[in-house]
Amino acid sequence: MNTPPSPPTVLTLAGSDPSGGAGIQADILTLASLGCHPLSVITAITVQDTVGVNDLMVLDSDWVNDQARFLMEDMPVAAFKIGMLGSVENVAVVSQLIADYPDIPVVLDPVLASGGGHDLADEDVISAMRDMLIPQVSILTPNSQEARRLASNDPDEDEELTLDQCAERILALGCPYLLITGTHENTKEVVNSLYGQDGVVRADHWERLPGSYHGSGCTLASAIAGMLATGLLLPEAVREAQEYTYQTLLNGFRPGMGQFLPDRMFWARASDEEEGDAAKG
């Protein structure tokens, strides 16, 4: 019997969100929707819903390391996606992991706070990310608030920094590409800017949708990893991932009392509706 080819495999390392809106659950849904096989390494367990985070327990770094190493010894991985790590120790073991596989592209979503404002990374974790992790990644995908925190050690300076200044400082840490998303900026449209070592590579403008969404950053970073795993070059992977993410938000739903959730399987539901309409016709 002929064995069908395996789909591209992406290893995601992130915290668990039991609401399914963000974190590793968002990564799994996104990667599966894009035709990839997701491998999931949990870095933290949270108590949260669509309103916000109530509590957080960061896993011991040995557990994080063992989860990842066992998988890497068993299956070839086409891309890494890194989300919330939660501790300096976890930053260190993940930094060593990707250093051991330098040919695999790495997408880092530097989750520093929840959508509801709960702090998920202290200054020690941010400093460790600057020193150990950011220099190794293929692309970093902060929102504008995260970009300002990563670019400065002085909270009083954060709001004074332009996004171009943030990009210059972050790229100087060693990552070749940086995508700063503009959801939190006071602009009519959402502008997402991809920076390279020579400046802006592309700036994409998107209609600002009403309401707030839980897990849009996780969706975008995972989609970039999925696109890279399928063989797209990075600038094109970023563009296609943005289009996918926008469609998940456009089709978002509000299952609870808090934020909307992106519908990562929007295309499947649309296909089912079309088939249903055809059957009725």
C-alpha atoms as a PDB file:
ATOM      1  CA  MET A   1       0.000   0.000   0.000  1.00  0.00           C
ATOM      2  CA  ASN A   2       1.335   3.428  -0.935  1.00  0.00           C
ATOM      3  CA  THR A   3       1.664   5.781   2.015  1.00  0.00           C
ATOM      4  CA  PRO A   4       0.388   9.305   1.253  1.00  0.00           C
ATOM      5  CA  PRO A   5       2.895  12.111   1.817  1.00  0.00           C
ATOM      6  CA  SER A   6       2.881  13.728   5.253  1.00  0.00           C
ATOM      7  CA  PRO A   7       1.667  17.318   5.526  1.00  0.00           C
ATOM      8  CA  PRO A   8       4.276  19.905   6.586  1.00  0.00           C
ATOM      9  CA  THR A   9       4.867  19.681  10.327  1.00  0.00           C
ATOM     10  CA  VAL A  10       5.087  22.802  12.507  1.00  0.00           C
ATOM     11  CA  LEU A  11       6.194  22.736  16.142  1.00  0.00           C
ATOM     12  CA  THR A  12       4.455  25.364  18.248  1.00  0.00           C
ATOM     13  CA  LEU A  13       5.499  26.243  21.803  1.00  0.00           C
ATOM     14  CA  ALA A  14       2.925  28.286  23.699  1.00  0.00           C
ATOM     15  CA  GLY A  15       0.651  28.531  26.712  1.00  0.00           C
ATOM     16  CA  SER A  16      -2.663  26.715  26.905  1.00  0.00           C
ATOM     17  CA  ASP A  17      -5.845  28.791  26.570  1.00  0.00           C
ATOM     18  CA  PRO A  18      -8.882  26.711  27.561  1.00  0.00           C
ATOM     19  CA  SER A  19     -11.221  29.155  25.786  1.00  0.00           C
ATOM     20  CA  GLY A  20      -9.698  28.114  22.455  1.00  0.00           C
ATOM     21  CA  GLY A  21      -9.266  31.754  21.506  1.00  0.00           C
ATOM     22  CA  ALA A  22      -5.517  32.193  21.820  1.00  0.00           C
ATOM     23  CA  GLY A  23      -2.403  30.283  22.817  1.00  0.00           C
ATOM     24  CA  ILE A  24      -1.636  26.785  21.693  1.00  0.00           C
ATOM     25  CA  GLN A  25      -5.259  26.043  20.833  1.00  0.00           C
ATOM     26  CA  ALA A  26      -5.252  28.961  18.382  1.00  0.00           C
ATOM     27  CA  ASP A  27      -1.997  27.688  16.891  1.00  0.00           C
ATOM     28  CA  ILE A  28      -3.377  24.184  16.398  1.00  0.00           C
ATOM     29  CA  LEU A  29      -6.576  25.405  14.748  1.00  0.00           C
ATOM     30  CA  THR A  30      -4.686  27.782  12.459  1.00  0.00           C
ATOM     31  CA  LEU A  31      -2.051  25.286  11.358  1.00  0.00           C
ATOM     32  CA  ALA A  32      -4.602  22.540  10.772  1.00  0.00           C
ATOM     33  CA  SER A  33      -6.742  24.932   8.744  1.00  0.00           C
ATOM     34  CA  LEU A  34      -3.742  25.682   6.512  1.00  0.00           C
ATOM     35  CA  GLY A  35      -3.019  22.013   5.874  1.00  0.00           C
ATOM     36  CA  CYS A  36      -0.130  21.600   8.305  1.00  0.00           C
ATOM     37  CA  HIS A  37       0.309  19.028  11.054  1.00  0.00           C
ATOM     38  CA  PRO A  38       0.745  20.886  14.378  1.00  0.00           C
ATOM     39  CA  LEU A  39       3.024  19.567  17.114  1.00  0.00           C
ATOM     40  CA  SER A  40       2.197  21.281  20.405  1.00  0.00           C
ATOM     41  CA  VAL A  41       4.544  21.950  23.321  1.00  0.00           C
ATOM     42  CA  ILE A  42       2.754  23.562  26.266  1.00  0.00           C
ATOM     43  CA  THR A  43       4.768  26.172  28.186  1.00  0.00           C
ATOM     44  CA  ALA A  44       2.110  27.313  30.658  1.00  0.00           C
ATOM     45  CA  ILE A  45      -1.395  26.539  31.850  1.00  0.00           C
ATOM     46  CA  THR A  46      -3.872  29.364  32.243  1.00  0.00           C
ATOM     47  CA  VAL A  47      -7.239  29.922  33.844  1.00  0.00           C
ATOM     48  CA  GLN A  48      -8.977  32.209  31.379  1.00  0.00           C
ATOM     49  CA  ASP A  49     -12.058  32.808  29.297  1.00  0.00           C
ATOM     50  CA  THR A  50     -13.005  35.277  26.569  1.00  0.00           C
ATOM     51  CA  VAL A  51     -13.024  38.114  29.129  1.00  0.00           C
ATOM     52  CA  GLY A  52      -9.479  37.707  30.437  1.00  0.00           C
ATOM     53  CA  VAL A  53      -6.830  35.742  32.327  1.00  0.00           C
ATOM     54  CA  ASN A  54      -7.605  34.796  35.917  1.00  0.00           C
ATOM     55  CA  ASP A  55      -4.468  32.798  36.778  1.00  0.00           C
ATOM     56  CA  LEU A  56      -1.300  31.402  35.228  1.00  0.00           C
ATOM     57  CA  MET A  57       1.047  28.508  35.997  1.00  0.00           C
ATOM     58  CA  VAL A  58       4.302  28.359  34.032  1.00  0.00           C
ATOM     59  CA  LEU A  59       5.613  24.851  33.387  1.00  0.00           C
ATOM     60  CA  ASP A  60       9.062  23.808  34.550  1.00  0.00           C
ATOM     61  CA  SER A  61      11.655  24.302  31.811  1.00  0.00           C
ATOM     62  CA  ASP A  62      12.645  20.611  31.916  1.00  0.00           C
ATOM     63  CA  TRP A  63       9.091  19.686  30.946  1.00  0.00           C
ATOM     64  CA  VAL A  64       9.132  22.185  28.087  1.00  0.00           C
ATOM     65  CA  ASN A  65      12.499  20.917  26.895  1.00  0.00           C
ATOM     66  CA  ASP A  66      11.517  17.236  27.102  1.00  0.00           C
ATOM     67  CA  GLN A  67       8.256  17.759  25.229  1.00  0.00           C
ATOM     68  CA  ALA A  68      10.084  19.430  22.361  1.00  0.00           C
ATOM     69  CA  ARG A  69      13.135  17.158  22.230  1.00  0.00           C
ATOM     70  CA  PHE A  70      11.081  13.953  22.090  1.00  0.00           C
ATOM     71  CA  LEU A  71       9.091  15.302  19.167  1.00  0.00           C
ATOM     72  CA  MET A  72      12.163  16.562  17.306  1.00  0.00           C
ATOM     73  CA  GLU A  73      13.795  13.146  17.556  1.00  0.00           C
ATOM     74  CA  ASP A  74      10.717  11.504  16.040  1.00  0.00           C
ATOM     75  CA  MET A  75       9.520  13.809  13.253  1.00  0.00           C
ATOM     76  CA  PRO A  76      11.027  16.317  10.808  1.00  0.00           C
ATOM     77  CA  VAL A  77       9.837  19.857  11.522  1.00  0.00           C
ATOM     78  CA  ALA A  78       9.383  22.453   8.779  1.00  0.00           C
ATOM     79  CA  ALA A  79       8.944  25.519  11.029  1.00  0.00           C
ATOM     80  CA  PHE A  80       8.863  26.634  14.655  1.00  0.00           C
ATOM     81  CA  LYS A  81       6.261  28.989  16.096  1.00  0.00           C
ATOM     82  CA  ILE A  82       6.964  30.400  19.559  1.00  0.00           C
ATOM     83  CA  GLY A  83       4.372  32.139  21.727  1.00  0.00           C
ATOM     84  CA  MET A  84       4.241  32.821  25.449  1.00  0.00           C
ATOM     85  CA  LEU A  85       7.159  31.267  27.359  1.00  0.00           C
ATOM     86  CA  GLY A  86       6.529  32.705  30.818  1.00  0.00           C
ATOM     87  CA  SER A  87       9.963  32.403  32.444  1.00  0.00           C
ATOM     88  CA  VAL A  88      13.629  33.115  31.864  1.00  0.00           C
ATOM     89  CA  GLU A  89      14.322  29.377  32.155  1.00  0.00           C
ATOM     90  CA  ASN A  90      11.860  28.597  29.370  1.00  0.00           C
ATOM     91  CA  VAL A  91      13.393  31.289  27.176  1.00  0.00           C
ATOM     92  CA  ALA A  92      16.792  29.654  27.745  1.00  0.00           C
ATOM     93  CA  VAL A  93      15.738  26.101  26.829  1.00  0.00           C
ATOM     94  CA  VAL A  94      13.820  27.232  23.761  1.00  0.00           C
ATOM     95  CA  SER A  95      16.784  29.351  22.658  1.00  0.00           C
ATOM     96  CA  GLN A  96      19.019  26.285  22.890  1.00  0.00           C
ATOM     97  CA  LEU A  97      16.452  24.159  21.050  1.00  0.00           C
ATOM     98  CA  ILE A  98      16.287  26.406  17.999  1.00  0.00           C
ATOM     99  CA  ALA A  99      20.076  26.878  18.093  1.00  0.00           C
ATOM    100  CA  ASP A 100      20.372  23.112  17.601  1.00  0.00           C
ATOM    101  CA  TYR A 101      18.195  23.317  14.460  1.00  0.00           C
ATOM    102  CA  PRO A 102      19.468  26.477  12.737  1.00  0.00           C
ATOM    103  CA  ASP A 103      18.023  25.605   9.308  1.00  0.00           C
ATOM    104  CA  ILE A 104      14.404  25.592  10.506  1.00  0.00           C
ATOM    105  CA  PRO A 105      12.593  28.968  10.203  1.00  0.00           C
ATOM    106  CA  VAL A 106      11.366  30.433  13.498  1.00  0.00           C
ATOM    107  CA  VAL A 107       8.376  32.743  14.016  1.00  0.00           C
ATOM    108  CA  LEU A 108       8.307  34.453  17.416  1.00  0.00           C
ATOM    109  CA  ASP A 109       5.120  36.068  18.707  1.00  0.00           C
ATOM    110  CA  PRO A 110       6.401  37.869  21.832  1.00  0.00           C
ATOM    111  CA  VAL A 111       3.299  37.526  23.996  1.00  0.00           C
ATOM    112  CA  LEU A 112       3.880  40.069  26.773  1.00  0.00           C
ATOM    113  CA  ALA A 113       0.281  40.672  27.893  1.00  0.00           C
ATOM    114  CA  SER A 114      -3.152  39.178  27.337  1.00  0.00           C
ATOM    115  CA  GLY A 115      -5.796  40.933  25.284  1.00  0.00           C
ATOM    116  CA  GLY A 116      -7.467  41.887  28.556  1.00  0.00           C
ATOM    117  CA  GLY A 117      -4.288  43.528  29.856  1.00  0.00           C
ATOM    118  CA  HIS A 118      -2.975  40.760  32.148  1.00  0.00           C
ATOM    119  CA  ASP A 119       0.844  40.943  32.260  1.00  0.00           C
ATOM    120  CA  LEU A 120       2.389  37.703  30.965  1.00  0.00           C
ATOM    121  CA  ALA A 121       6.091  38.631  30.915  1.00  0.00           C
ATOM    122  CA  ASP A 122       8.176  40.599  33.413  1.00  0.00           C
ATOM    123  CA  GLU A 123      11.279  42.632  32.602  1.00  0.00           C
ATOM    124  CA  ASP A 124      13.592  39.675  33.253  1.00  0.00           C
ATOM    125  CA  VAL A 125      11.775  37.583  30.653  1.00  0.00           C
ATOM    126  CA  ILE A 126      11.818  40.461  28.172  1.00  0.00           C
ATOM    127  CA  SER A 127      15.546  40.970  28.735  1.00  0.00           C
ATOM    128  CA  ALA A 128      16.190  37.246  28.208  1.00  0.00           C
ATOM    129  CA  MET A 129      14.208  37.336  24.968  1.00  0.00           C
ATOM    130  CA  ARG A 130      16.289  40.268  23.732  1.00  0.00           C
ATOM    131  CA  ASP A 131      19.565  38.539  24.577  1.00  0.00           C
ATOM    132  CA  MET A 132      18.915  34.881  23.750  1.00  0.00           C
ATOM    133  CA  LEU A 133      15.881  34.448  21.519  1.00  0.00           C
ATOM    134  CA  ILE A 134      15.338  37.416  19.216  1.00  0.00           C
ATOM    135  CA  PRO A 135      18.822  37.167  17.617  1.00  0.00           C
ATOM    136  CA  GLN A 136      17.959  33.651  16.404  1.00  0.00           C
ATOM    137  CA  VAL A 137      14.454  34.026  14.991  1.00  0.00           C
ATOM    138  CA  SER A 138      13.499  34.436  11.341  1.00  0.00           C
ATOM    139  CA  ILE A 139      10.741  36.927  12.087  1.00  0.00           C
ATOM    140  CA  LEU A 140       9.309  38.636  15.164  1.00  0.00           C
ATOM    141  CA  THR A 141       5.601  39.619  15.152  1.00  0.00           C
ATOM    142  CA  PRO A 142       4.854  42.093  17.980  1.00  0.00           C
ATOM    143  CA  ASN A 143       1.907  44.445  18.086  1.00  0.00           C
ATOM    144  CA  SER A 144       2.813  48.110  18.502  1.00  0.00           C
ATOM    145  CA  GLN A 145       2.595  47.988  22.315  1.00  0.00           C
ATOM    146  CA  GLU A 146       4.871  44.953  22.477  1.00  0.00           C
ATOM    147  CA  ALA A 147       7.291  46.549  20.017  1.00  0.00           C
ATOM    148  CA  ARG A 148       7.665  49.578  22.267  1.00  0.00           C
ATOM    149  CA  ARG A 149       8.320  47.408  25.332  1.00  0.00           C
ATOM    150  CA  LEU A 150      10.898  45.339  23.472  1.00  0.00           C
ATOM    151  CA  ALA A 151      12.626  48.432  22.090  1.00  0.00           C
ATOM    152  CA  SER A 152      13.045  50.278  25.375  1.00  0.00           C
ATOM    153  CA  ASN A 153      14.075  49.621  28.974  1.00  0.00           C
ATOM    154  CA  ASP A 154      12.411  52.856  30.065  1.00  0.00           C
ATOM    155  CA  PRO A 155       8.593  52.754  30.427  1.00  0.00           C
ATOM    156  CA  ASP A 156       8.476  56.559  30.296  1.00  0.00           C
ATOM    157  CA  GLU A 157      10.059  56.441  26.845  1.00  0.00           C
ATOM    158  CA  ASP A 158       7.712  53.846  25.364  1.00  0.00           C
ATOM    159  CA  GLU A 159       4.963  56.169  24.147  1.00  0.00           C
ATOM    160  CA  GLU A 160       7.489  58.600  22.664  1.00  0.00           C
ATOM    161  CA  LEU A 161       8.993  56.009  20.329  1.00  0.00           C
ATOM    162  CA  THR A 162       7.769  55.841  16.758  1.00  0.00           C
ATOM    163  CA  LEU A 163       7.304  52.397  15.276  1.00  0.00           C
ATOM    164  CA  ASP A 164      10.166  53.057  12.869  1.00  0.00           C
ATOM    165  CA  GLN A 165      12.435  53.757  15.861  1.00  0.00           C
ATOM    166  CA  CYS A 166      11.226  50.563  17.550  1.00  0.00           C
ATOM    167  CA  ALA A 167      11.969  48.602  14.398  1.00  0.00           C
ATOM    168  CA  GLU A 168      15.486  49.997  14.141  1.00  0.00           C
ATOM    169  CA  ARG A 169      16.285  49.027  17.730  1.00  0.00           C
ATOM    170  CA  ILE A 170      14.734  45.560  17.556  1.00  0.00           C
ATOM    171  CA  LEU A 171      16.352  44.674  14.237  1.00  0.00           C
ATOM    172  CA  ALA A 172      19.695  45.701  15.727  1.00  0.00           C
ATOM    173  CA  LEU A 173      19.284  42.739  18.116  1.00  0.00           C
ATOM    174  CA  GLY A 174      19.849  40.405  15.175  1.00  0.00           C
ATOM    175  CA  CYS A 175      16.539  39.214  13.708  1.00  0.00           C
ATOM    176  CA  PRO A 176      16.332  39.679   9.927  1.00  0.00           C
ATOM    177  CA  TYR A 177      12.609  40.521   9.761  1.00  0.00           C
ATOM    178  CA  LEU A 178      10.104  42.249  12.020  1.00  0.00           C
ATOM    179  CA  LEU A 179       6.347  42.574  11.468  1.00  0.00           C
ATOM    180  CA  ILE A 180       4.754  45.243  13.673  1.00  0.00           C
ATOM    181  CA  THR A 181       0.959  45.095  13.678  1.00  0.00           C
ATOM    182  CA  GLY A 182      -1.029  48.283  14.117  1.00  0.00           C
ATOM    183  CA  THR A 183      -4.195  47.064  15.780  1.00  0.00           C
ATOM    184  CA  HIS A 184      -3.517  49.118  18.929  1.00  0.00           C
ATOM    185  CA  GLU A 185      -2.627  52.323  17.064  1.00  0.00           C
ATOM    186  CA  ASN A 186      -5.071  55.231  16.764  1.00  0.00           C
ATOM    187  CA  THR A 187      -5.380  55.049  12.992  1.00  0.00           C
ATOM    188  CA  LYS A 188      -8.364  54.780  10.658  1.00  0.00           C
ATOM    189  CA  GLU A 189      -6.988  51.615   9.094  1.00  0.00           C
ATOM    190  CA  VAL A 190      -4.844  48.901  10.639  1.00  0.00           C
ATOM    191  CA  VAL A 191      -1.372  49.171   9.122  1.00  0.00           C
ATOM    192  CA  ASN A 192       0.963  46.184   9.472  1.00  0.00           C
ATOM    193  CA  SER A 193       4.560  46.982   8.545  1.00  0.00           C
ATOM    194  CA  LEU A 194       7.159  44.373   7.647  1.00  0.00           C
ATOM    195  CA  TYR A 195      10.693  45.625   8.272  1.00  0.00           C
ATOM    196  CA  GLY A 196      13.954  44.142   7.062  1.00  0.00           C
ATOM    197  CA  GLN A 197      17.525  45.209   7.671  1.00  0.00           C
ATOM    198  CA  ASP A 198      17.188  47.849   4.903  1.00  0.00           C
ATOM    199  CA  GLY A 199      13.908  49.340   6.127  1.00  0.00           C
ATOM    200  CA  VAL A 200      10.248  48.743   5.304  1.00  0.00           C
ATOM    201  CA  VAL A 201       9.733  45.743   3.018  1.00  0.00           C
ATOM    202  CA  ARG A 202       5.973  46.146   2.747  1.00  0.00           C
ATOM    203  CA  ALA A 203       3.133  47.937   4.546  1.00  0.00           C
ATOM    204  CA  ASP A 204      -0.307  46.366   4.325  1.00  0.00           C
ATOM    205  CA  HIS A 205      -3.491  48.302   5.102  1.00  0.00           C
ATOM    206  CA  TRP A 206      -6.569  46.575   6.484  1.00  0.00           C
ATOM    207  CA  GLU A 207     -10.045  47.792   7.341  1.00  0.00           C
ATOM    208  CA  ARG A 208     -10.366  48.324  11.088  1.00  0.00           C
ATOM    209  CA  LEU A 209     -13.132  45.975  12.215  1.00  0.00           C
ATOM    210  CA  PRO A 210     -15.462  46.827  15.106  1.00  0.00           C
ATOM    211  CA  GLY A 211     -15.080  45.018  18.417  1.00  0.00           C
ATOM    212  CA  SER A 212     -12.016  43.371  19.912  1.00  0.00           C
ATOM    213  CA  TYR A 213     -10.609  39.930  19.169  1.00  0.00           C
ATOM    214  CA  HIS A 214      -8.943  37.331  21.361  1.00  0.00           C
ATOM    215  CA  GLY A 215      -6.132  35.476  19.616  1.00  0.00           C
ATOM    216  CA  SER A 216      -5.523  37.507  16.458  1.00  0.00           C
ATOM    217  CA  GLY A 217      -1.771  37.745  17.131  1.00  0.00           C
ATOM    218  CA  CYS A 218      -1.447  34.010  17.720  1.00  0.00           C
ATOM    219  CA  THR A 219      -3.387  33.353  14.526  1.00  0.00           C
ATOM    220  CA  LEU A 220      -1.160  35.630  12.448  1.00  0.00           C
ATOM    221  CA  ALA A 221       2.128  34.221  13.783  1.00  0.00           C
ATOM    222  CA  SER A 222       0.962  30.632  13.331  1.00  0.00           C
ATOM    223  CA  ALA A 223      -0.245  31.392   9.821  1.00  0.00           C
ATOM    224  CA  ILE A 224       3.173  32.806   8.914  1.00  0.00           C
ATOM    225  CA  ALA A 225       4.816  29.644  10.271  1.00  0.00           C
ATOM    226  CA  GLY A 226       2.371  27.516   8.286  1.00  0.00           C
ATOM    227  CA  MET A 227       3.045  29.454   5.092  1.00  0.00           C
ATOM    228  CA  LEU A 228       6.806  29.131   5.587  1.00  0.00           C
ATOM    229  CA  ALA A 229       6.375  25.397   6.184  1.00  0.00           C
ATOM    230  CA  THR A 230       4.658  25.046   2.815  1.00  0.00           C
ATOM    231  CA  GLY A 231       7.619  26.675   1.090  1.00  0.00           C
ATOM    232  CA  LEU A 232       6.681  30.334   0.627  1.00  0.00           C
ATOM    233  CA  LEU A 233       9.424  32.943   0.936  1.00  0.00           C
ATOM    234  CA  LEU A 234       9.067  35.136   3.998  1.00  0.00           C
ATOM    235  CA  PRO A 235       7.639  38.374   2.511  1.00  0.00           C
ATOM    236  CA  GLU A 236       5.006  36.410   0.598  1.00  0.00           C
ATOM    237  CA  ALA A 237       4.287  34.223   3.632  1.00  0.00           C
ATOM    238  CA  VAL A 238       3.637  37.390   5.645  1.00  0.00           C
ATOM    239  CA  ARG A 239       1.224  38.741   3.030  1.00  0.00           C
ATOM    240  CA  GLU A 240      -0.713  35.484   2.689  1.00  0.00           C
ATOM    241  CA  ALA A 241      -0.856  35.023   6.478  1.00  0.00           C
ATOM    242  CA  GLN A 242      -2.321  38.502   6.891  1.00  0.00           C
ATOM    243  CA  GLU A 243      -5.029  37.769   4.331  1.00  0.00           C
ATOM    244  CA  TYR A 244      -5.882  34.515   6.103  1.00  0.00           C
ATOM    245  CA  THR A 245      -5.966  36.236   9.519  1.00  0.00           C
ATOM    246  CA  TYR A 246      -8.161  39.054   8.224  1.00  0.00           C
ATOM    247  CA  GLN A 247     -10.673  36.507   6.937  1.00  0.00           C
ATOM    248  CA  THR A 248     -10.712  34.756  10.339  1.00  0.00           C
ATOM    249  CA  LEU A 249     -11.541  38.096  11.983  1.00  0.00           C
ATOM    250  CA  LEU A 250     -14.113  39.041   9.364  1.00  0.00           C
ATOM    251  CA  ASN A 251     -15.853  35.752  10.143  1.00  0.00           C
ATOM    252  CA  GLY A 252     -15.255  36.009  13.893  1.00  0.00           C
ATOM    253  CA  PHE A 253     -17.856  35.006  16.453  1.00  0.00           C
ATOM    254  CA  ARG A 254     -18.615  35.856  20.104  1.00  0.00           C
ATOM    255  CA  PRO A 255     -19.329  32.649  22.034  1.00  0.00           C
ATOM    256  CA  GLY A 256     -19.046  34.172  25.516  1.00  0.00           C
ATOM    257  CA  MET A 257     -19.335  37.443  27.389  1.00  0.00           C
ATOM    258  CA  GLY A 258     -15.948  38.826  26.352  1.00  0.00           C
ATOM    259  CA  GLN A 259     -14.034  39.294  23.126  1.00  0.00           C
ATOM    260  CA  PHE A 260     -14.775  37.901  19.683  1.00  0.00           C
ATOM    261  CA  LEU A 261     -12.786  34.857  18.566  1.00  0.00           C
ATOM    262  CA  PRO A 262     -11.301  34.464  15.075  1.00  0.00           C
ATOM    263  CA  ASP A 263     -12.938  31.702  13.037  1.00  0.00           C
ATOM    264  CA  ARG A 264      -9.902  29.809  11.770  1.00  0.00           C
ATOM    265  CA  MET A 265     -12.122  27.318   9.931  1.00  0.00           C
ATOM    266  CA  PHE A 266     -14.179  29.967   8.105  1.00  0.00           C
ATOM    267  CA  TRP A 267     -13.514  28.375   4.723  1.00  0.00           C
ATOM    268  CA  ALA A 268     -14.852  24.995   5.860  1.00  0.00           C
ATOM    269  CA  ARG A 269     -18.070  26.518   7.142  1.00  0.00           C
ATOM    270  CA  ALA A 270     -18.476  28.524   3.941  1.00  0.00           C
ATOM    271  CA  SER A 271     -18.055  25.336   1.903  1.00  0.00           C
ATOM    272  CA  ASP A 272     -20.643  23.526   4.035  1.00  0.00           C
ATOM    273  CA  GLU A 273     -23.115  26.383   3.540  1.00  0.00           C
ATOM    274  CA  GLU A 274     -22.567  26.366  -0.224  1.00  0.00           C
ATOM    275  CA  GLU A 275     -23.101  22.612  -0.358  1.00  0.00           C
ATOM    276  CA  GLY A 276     -26.246  22.975   1.729  1.00  0.00           C
ATOM    277  CA  ASP A 277     -27.602  25.689  -0.555  1.00  0.00           C
ATOM    278  CA  ALA A 278     -26.809  23.543  -3.616  1.00  0.00           C
ATOM    279  CA  ALA A 279     -28.637  20.574  -2.110  1.00  0.00           C
ATOM    280  CA  LYS A 280     -31.709  22.712  -1.394  1.00  0.00           C
ATOM    281  CA  GLY A 281     -31.620  24.059  -4.954  1.00  0.00           C
END
